């Protein structure tokens, strides 16, 4: 198979995707497929189908340690090919190499759990109160009304003196009502509401 041509026929494309997932392609062919994956949606879908189909097989394989004679055999085969230099990995590949990612996994899980606990146990945000300005019959601001929970707070925006023995009262005409309803009243010392 050519390293640069990705087939367009469905059967050939599916075969190529299967060989790519199995890892049996030559290095140049595998590189060509890897370059085509981001831009070829049909190939990408075929590779995903093969990965999904073959994923359960991973569970059947028992973990195995390579034998101590593996590196010498690799070096011997490379030397026979005439390779200029054999490069050994800086750090030996061993099961203890999993400690780093396991540590990061545990730490990130702890952070996620702490964040979830914080979000679930914090008190709910207070609901914002409602505020409105009531106007006079001449469209002049008269009262500032603030509702918080089950209570109302009223503030007169143009206070007027109230005669002794009298009360300032706020009347409202709810929508659909035929008569006004007393909403609030106040008695102030000093004669102003």
C-alpha atoms as a PDB file:
ATOM      1  CA  UNK A   1       0.000   0.000   0.000  1.00  0.00           C
ATOM      2  CA  UNK A   2       1.276   3.485  -0.803  1.00  0.00           C
ATOM      3  CA  UNK A   3       2.298   5.645   2.139  1.00  0.00           C
ATOM      4  CA  UNK A   4       0.675   8.782   0.739  1.00  0.00           C
ATOM      5  CA  UNK A   5      -2.598   7.558  -0.798  1.00  0.00           C
ATOM      6  CA  UNK A   6      -5.593   7.051   1.475  1.00  0.00           C
ATOM      7  CA  UNK A   7      -8.189   4.858  -0.278  1.00  0.00           C
ATOM      8  CA  UNK A   8     -11.662   6.222  -0.903  1.00  0.00           C
ATOM      9  CA  UNK A   9     -13.526   2.930  -1.294  1.00  0.00           C
ATOM     10  CA  UNK A  10     -15.380   1.918   1.877  1.00  0.00           C
ATOM     11  CA  UNK A  11     -13.888  -1.594   2.080  1.00  0.00           C
ATOM     12  CA  UNK A  12     -10.293  -0.464   1.453  1.00  0.00           C
ATOM     13  CA  UNK A  13     -10.704   2.414   3.909  1.00  0.00           C
ATOM     14  CA  UNK A  14     -12.096   0.072   6.553  1.00  0.00           C
ATOM     15  CA  UNK A  15      -9.219  -2.365   6.010  1.00  0.00           C
ATOM     16  CA  UNK A  16      -6.672   0.457   6.316  1.00  0.00           C
ATOM     17  CA  UNK A  17      -8.336   1.689   9.532  1.00  0.00           C
ATOM     18  CA  UNK A  18      -8.243  -1.828  11.005  1.00  0.00           C
ATOM     19  CA  UNK A  19      -4.568  -2.281  10.125  1.00  0.00           C
ATOM     20  CA  UNK A  20      -3.811   1.138  11.634  1.00  0.00           C
ATOM     21  CA  UNK A  21      -5.561   0.271  14.903  1.00  0.00           C
ATOM     22  CA  UNK A  22      -3.854  -3.132  15.052  1.00  0.00           C
ATOM     23  CA  UNK A  23      -0.474  -1.449  14.480  1.00  0.00           C
ATOM     24  CA  UNK A  24       0.545  -3.607  11.533  1.00  0.00           C
ATOM     25  CA  UNK A  25       1.186  -0.782   9.024  1.00  0.00           C
ATOM     26  CA  UNK A  26       4.682   0.227   7.991  1.00  0.00           C
ATOM     27  CA  UNK A  27       5.907   3.383   9.737  1.00  0.00           C
ATOM     28  CA  UNK A  28       5.399   5.588   6.641  1.00  0.00           C
ATOM     29  CA  UNK A  29       1.875   4.243   6.089  1.00  0.00           C
ATOM     30  CA  UNK A  30       0.956   4.744   9.759  1.00  0.00           C
ATOM     31  CA  UNK A  31       2.297   8.321   9.612  1.00  0.00           C
ATOM     32  CA  UNK A  32       0.196   9.009   6.494  1.00  0.00           C
ATOM     33  CA  UNK A  33      -2.941   7.717   8.242  1.00  0.00           C
ATOM     34  CA  UNK A  34      -2.134   9.794  11.348  1.00  0.00           C
ATOM     35  CA  UNK A  35      -1.786  12.911   9.152  1.00  0.00           C
ATOM     36  CA  UNK A  36      -5.092  12.155   7.400  1.00  0.00           C
ATOM     37  CA  UNK A  37      -7.141  11.547  10.568  1.00  0.00           C
ATOM     38  CA  UNK A  38      -7.748  15.226  11.463  1.00  0.00           C
ATOM     39  CA  UNK A  39      -9.006  16.066   7.952  1.00  0.00           C
ATOM     40  CA  UNK A  40     -10.697  12.826   6.830  1.00  0.00           C
ATOM     41  CA  UNK A  41     -13.896  12.280   8.823  1.00  0.00           C
ATOM     42  CA  UNK A  42     -14.722   8.953   7.126  1.00  0.00           C
ATOM     43  CA  UNK A  43     -11.283   7.552   8.000  1.00  0.00           C
ATOM     44  CA  UNK A  44     -11.549   8.935  11.543  1.00  0.00           C
ATOM     45  CA  UNK A  45     -14.958   7.237  12.004  1.00  0.00           C
ATOM     46  CA  UNK A  46     -13.580   3.932  10.684  1.00  0.00           C
ATOM     47  CA  UNK A  47     -10.621   4.113  13.098  1.00  0.00           C
ATOM     48  CA  UNK A  48     -12.987   4.851  16.010  1.00  0.00           C
ATOM     49  CA  UNK A  49     -15.174   1.863  15.045  1.00  0.00           C
ATOM     50  CA  UNK A  50     -12.129  -0.429  14.984  1.00  0.00           C
ATOM     51  CA  UNK A  51     -10.873   0.929  18.323  1.00  0.00           C
ATOM     52  CA  UNK A  52     -14.296   0.323  19.880  1.00  0.00           C
ATOM     53  CA  UNK A  53     -14.480  -3.163  18.356  1.00  0.00           C
ATOM     54  CA  UNK A  54     -10.993  -4.179  19.522  1.00  0.00           C
ATOM     55  CA  UNK A  55     -10.929  -2.447  22.932  1.00  0.00           C
ATOM     56  CA  UNK A  56     -12.365  -5.447  24.845  1.00  0.00           C
ATOM     57  CA  UNK A  57      -9.419  -7.565  23.664  1.00  0.00           C
ATOM     58  CA  UNK A  58      -7.071  -5.469  25.794  1.00  0.00           C
ATOM     59  CA  UNK A  59      -8.685  -6.906  28.896  1.00  0.00           C
ATOM     60  CA  UNK A  60      -7.809 -10.451  27.798  1.00  0.00           C
ATOM     61  CA  UNK A  61      -4.058  -9.847  27.780  1.00  0.00           C
ATOM     62  CA  UNK A  62      -2.239 -10.451  31.038  1.00  0.00           C
ATOM     63  CA  UNK A  63       0.387  -7.831  31.947  1.00  0.00           C
ATOM     64  CA  UNK A  64       3.868  -9.177  31.287  1.00  0.00           C
ATOM     65  CA  UNK A  65       7.331  -7.943  32.158  1.00  0.00           C
ATOM     66  CA  UNK A  66       9.897  -8.066  29.348  1.00  0.00           C
ATOM     67  CA  UNK A  67      12.677 -10.554  29.905  1.00  0.00           C
ATOM     68  CA  UNK A  68      16.124  -9.354  31.004  1.00  0.00           C
ATOM     69  CA  UNK A  69      17.586 -10.397  27.659  1.00  0.00           C
ATOM     70  CA  UNK A  70      15.271  -8.098  25.631  1.00  0.00           C
ATOM     71  CA  UNK A  71      17.580  -5.043  25.443  1.00  0.00           C
ATOM     72  CA  UNK A  72      20.631  -7.090  24.448  1.00  0.00           C
ATOM     73  CA  UNK A  73      18.583  -8.741  21.670  1.00  0.00           C
ATOM     74  CA  UNK A  74      17.339  -5.362  20.423  1.00  0.00           C
ATOM     75  CA  UNK A  75      20.875  -3.975  20.464  1.00  0.00           C
ATOM     76  CA  UNK A  76      22.149  -7.018  18.582  1.00  0.00           C
ATOM     77  CA  UNK A  77      19.463  -6.698  15.898  1.00  0.00           C
ATOM     78  CA  UNK A  78      20.184  -2.979  15.484  1.00  0.00           C
ATOM     79  CA  UNK A  79      23.910  -3.619  15.300  1.00  0.00           C
ATOM     80  CA  UNK A  80      23.303  -6.230  12.607  1.00  0.00           C
ATOM     81  CA  UNK A  81      21.425  -3.616  10.563  1.00  0.00           C
ATOM     82  CA  UNK A  82      24.388  -1.285  10.775  1.00  0.00           C
ATOM     83  CA  UNK A  83      22.785   1.285  13.038  1.00  0.00           C
ATOM     84  CA  UNK A  84      25.239   4.002  14.012  1.00  0.00           C
ATOM     85  CA  UNK A  85      24.436   4.139  17.714  1.00  0.00           C
ATOM     86  CA  UNK A  86      22.128   2.413  20.131  1.00  0.00           C
ATOM     87  CA  UNK A  87      20.369   4.832  22.408  1.00  0.00           C
ATOM     88  CA  UNK A  88      19.160   3.487  25.715  1.00  0.00           C
ATOM     89  CA  UNK A  89      16.288   5.237  27.464  1.00  0.00           C
ATOM     90  CA  UNK A  90      17.412   7.679  30.141  1.00  0.00           C
ATOM     91  CA  UNK A  91      15.108   6.210  32.726  1.00  0.00           C
ATOM     92  CA  UNK A  92      14.407   2.518  32.924  1.00  0.00           C
ATOM     93  CA  UNK A  93      10.869   1.607  32.075  1.00  0.00           C
ATOM     94  CA  UNK A  94       9.504  -0.160  35.097  1.00  0.00           C
ATOM     95  CA  UNK A  95       6.217  -0.512  36.922  1.00  0.00           C
ATOM     96  CA  UNK A  96       7.437   2.149  39.377  1.00  0.00           C
ATOM     97  CA  UNK A  97       7.159   4.686  36.528  1.00  0.00           C
ATOM     98  CA  UNK A  98       3.413   4.620  37.114  1.00  0.00           C
ATOM     99  CA  UNK A  99       3.831   6.391  40.452  1.00  0.00           C
ATOM    100  CA  UNK A 100       3.928   9.862  38.906  1.00  0.00           C
ATOM    101  CA  UNK A 101       0.672   9.656  37.014  1.00  0.00           C
ATOM    102  CA  UNK A 102      -0.972   7.789  39.887  1.00  0.00           C
ATOM    103  CA  UNK A 103       0.046  10.630  42.213  1.00  0.00           C
ATOM    104  CA  UNK A 104      -1.331  13.240  39.821  1.00  0.00           C
ATOM    105  CA  UNK A 105      -4.533  11.243  39.473  1.00  0.00           C
ATOM    106  CA  UNK A 106      -4.997  11.016  43.238  1.00  0.00           C
ATOM    107  CA  UNK A 107      -4.256  14.723  43.701  1.00  0.00           C
ATOM    108  CA  UNK A 108      -6.653  15.820  40.945  1.00  0.00           C
ATOM    109  CA  UNK A 109      -9.358  13.532  42.323  1.00  0.00           C
ATOM    110  CA  UNK A 110      -8.910  15.079  45.764  1.00  0.00           C
ATOM    111  CA  UNK A 111      -9.161  18.590  44.308  1.00  0.00           C
ATOM    112  CA  UNK A 112     -12.299  17.662  42.339  1.00  0.00           C
ATOM    113  CA  UNK A 113     -13.897  16.097  45.430  1.00  0.00           C
ATOM    114  CA  UNK A 114     -13.071  19.182  47.514  1.00  0.00           C
ATOM    115  CA  UNK A 115     -14.576  21.471  44.895  1.00  0.00           C
ATOM    116  CA  UNK A 116     -17.721  19.332  44.691  1.00  0.00           C
ATOM    117  CA  UNK A 117     -18.036  19.351  48.486  1.00  0.00           C
ATOM    118  CA  UNK A 118     -17.613  23.130  48.569  1.00  0.00           C
ATOM    119  CA  UNK A 119     -20.253  23.642  45.877  1.00  0.00           C
ATOM    120  CA  UNK A 120     -22.735  21.276  47.521  1.00  0.00           C
ATOM    121  CA  UNK A 121     -22.360  22.541  51.101  1.00  0.00           C
ATOM    122  CA  UNK A 122     -22.198  26.300  50.645  1.00  0.00           C
ATOM    123  CA  UNK A 123     -25.327  28.210  51.611  1.00  0.00           C
ATOM    124  CA  UNK A 124     -27.545  29.315  48.760  1.00  0.00           C
ATOM    125  CA  UNK A 125     -26.989  32.813  47.475  1.00  0.00           C
ATOM    126  CA  UNK A 126     -29.492  35.299  48.874  1.00  0.00           C
ATOM    127  CA  UNK A 127     -32.261  36.105  46.476  1.00  0.00           C
ATOM    128  CA  UNK A 128     -32.052  39.691  45.332  1.00  0.00           C
ATOM    129  CA  UNK A 129     -34.746  41.962  46.673  1.00  0.00           C
ATOM    130  CA  UNK A 130     -37.145  43.799  44.444  1.00  0.00           C
ATOM    131  CA  UNK A 131     -37.165  47.570  44.345  1.00  0.00           C
ATOM    132  CA  UNK A 132     -39.491  50.023  42.642  1.00  0.00           C
ATOM    133  CA  UNK A 133     -40.412  53.687  42.724  1.00  0.00           C
ATOM    134  CA  UNK A 134     -44.060  54.640  43.080  1.00  0.00           C
ATOM    135  CA  UNK A 135     -45.131  57.783  41.281  1.00  0.00           C
ATOM    136  CA  UNK A 136     -47.726  60.392  42.118  1.00  0.00           C
ATOM    137  CA  UNK A 137     -50.654  61.109  39.822  1.00  0.00           C
ATOM    138  CA  UNK A 138     -48.377  63.765  38.224  1.00  0.00           C
ATOM    139  CA  UNK A 139     -45.646  61.172  37.502  1.00  0.00           C
ATOM    140  CA  UNK A 140     -43.389  62.505  40.242  1.00  0.00           C
ATOM    141  CA  UNK A 141     -41.421  60.011  42.383  1.00  0.00           C
ATOM    142  CA  UNK A 142     -43.145  59.635  45.724  1.00  0.00           C
ATOM    143  CA  UNK A 143     -42.097  56.374  47.406  1.00  0.00           C
ATOM    144  CA  UNK A 144     -39.254  53.918  47.178  1.00  0.00           C
ATOM    145  CA  UNK A 145     -40.532  50.392  47.872  1.00  0.00           C
ATOM    146  CA  UNK A 146     -38.134  47.537  48.604  1.00  0.00           C
ATOM    147  CA  UNK A 147     -39.339  43.951  49.043  1.00  0.00           C
ATOM    148  CA  UNK A 148     -37.077  41.467  50.825  1.00  0.00           C
ATOM    149  CA  UNK A 149     -38.481  38.074  51.687  1.00  0.00           C
ATOM    150  CA  UNK A 150     -41.874  38.607  53.359  1.00  0.00           C
ATOM    151  CA  UNK A 151     -41.374  42.256  54.281  1.00  0.00           C
ATOM    152  CA  UNK A 152     -41.682  45.644  52.597  1.00  0.00           C
ATOM    153  CA  UNK A 153     -39.590  48.711  53.308  1.00  0.00           C
ATOM    154  CA  UNK A 154     -40.965  52.101  52.323  1.00  0.00           C
ATOM    155  CA  UNK A 155     -39.098  55.349  52.048  1.00  0.00           C
ATOM    156  CA  UNK A 156     -40.756  58.630  51.196  1.00  0.00           C
ATOM    157  CA  UNK A 157     -38.902  60.471  48.454  1.00  0.00           C
ATOM    158  CA  UNK A 158     -40.557  63.853  49.121  1.00  0.00           C
ATOM    159  CA  UNK A 159     -41.542  63.878  52.778  1.00  0.00           C
ATOM    160  CA  UNK A 160     -44.349  66.171  53.841  1.00  0.00           C
ATOM    161  CA  UNK A 161     -45.252  67.163  57.358  1.00  0.00           C
ATOM    162  CA  UNK A 162     -48.051  65.103  58.878  1.00  0.00           C
ATOM    163  CA  UNK A 163     -50.460  66.768  61.217  1.00  0.00           C
ATOM    164  CA  UNK A 164     -50.438  65.495  64.797  1.00  0.00           C
ATOM    165  CA  UNK A 165     -52.850  62.608  65.297  1.00  0.00           C
ATOM    166  CA  UNK A 166     -52.730  61.666  61.597  1.00  0.00           C
ATOM    167  CA  UNK A 167     -51.115  58.659  59.865  1.00  0.00           C
ATOM    168  CA  UNK A 168     -49.385  58.368  56.492  1.00  0.00           C
ATOM    169  CA  UNK A 169     -50.930  55.540  54.535  1.00  0.00           C
ATOM    170  CA  UNK A 170     -49.992  53.849  51.245  1.00  0.00           C
ATOM    171  CA  UNK A 171     -52.862  52.571  49.122  1.00  0.00           C
ATOM    172  CA  UNK A 172     -52.517  50.293  46.133  1.00  0.00           C
ATOM    173  CA  UNK A 173     -54.912  49.236  43.432  1.00  0.00           C
ATOM    174  CA  UNK A 174     -53.933  45.660  42.526  1.00  0.00           C
ATOM    175  CA  UNK A 175     -54.509  44.563  38.964  1.00  0.00           C
ATOM    176  CA  UNK A 176     -58.102  43.373  38.505  1.00  0.00           C
ATOM    177  CA  UNK A 177     -59.255  44.873  41.841  1.00  0.00           C
ATOM    178  CA  UNK A 178     -62.226  47.208  41.987  1.00  0.00           C
ATOM    179  CA  UNK A 179     -61.224  49.021  45.177  1.00  0.00           C
ATOM    180  CA  UNK A 180     -57.879  50.240  46.563  1.00  0.00           C
ATOM    181  CA  UNK A 181     -56.177  48.276  49.349  1.00  0.00           C
ATOM    182  CA  UNK A 182     -54.198  49.764  52.218  1.00  0.00           C
ATOM    183  CA  UNK A 183     -50.626  48.507  51.823  1.00  0.00           C
ATOM    184  CA  UNK A 184     -48.812  50.278  54.657  1.00  0.00           C
ATOM    185  CA  UNK A 185     -49.161  52.951  57.246  1.00  0.00           C
ATOM    186  CA  UNK A 186     -46.706  54.722  59.470  1.00  0.00           C
ATOM    187  CA  UNK A 187     -46.756  57.034  62.445  1.00  0.00           C
ATOM    188  CA  UNK A 188     -43.743  59.245  62.739  1.00  0.00           C
ATOM    189  CA  UNK A 189     -42.676  61.464  65.539  1.00  0.00           C
ATOM    190  CA  UNK A 190     -42.024  64.992  64.543  1.00  0.00           C
ATOM    191  CA  UNK A 191     -44.750  65.102  61.949  1.00  0.00           C
ATOM    192  CA  UNK A 192     -42.966  63.751  58.836  1.00  0.00           C
ATOM    193  CA  UNK A 193     -43.603  60.365  57.242  1.00  0.00           C
END
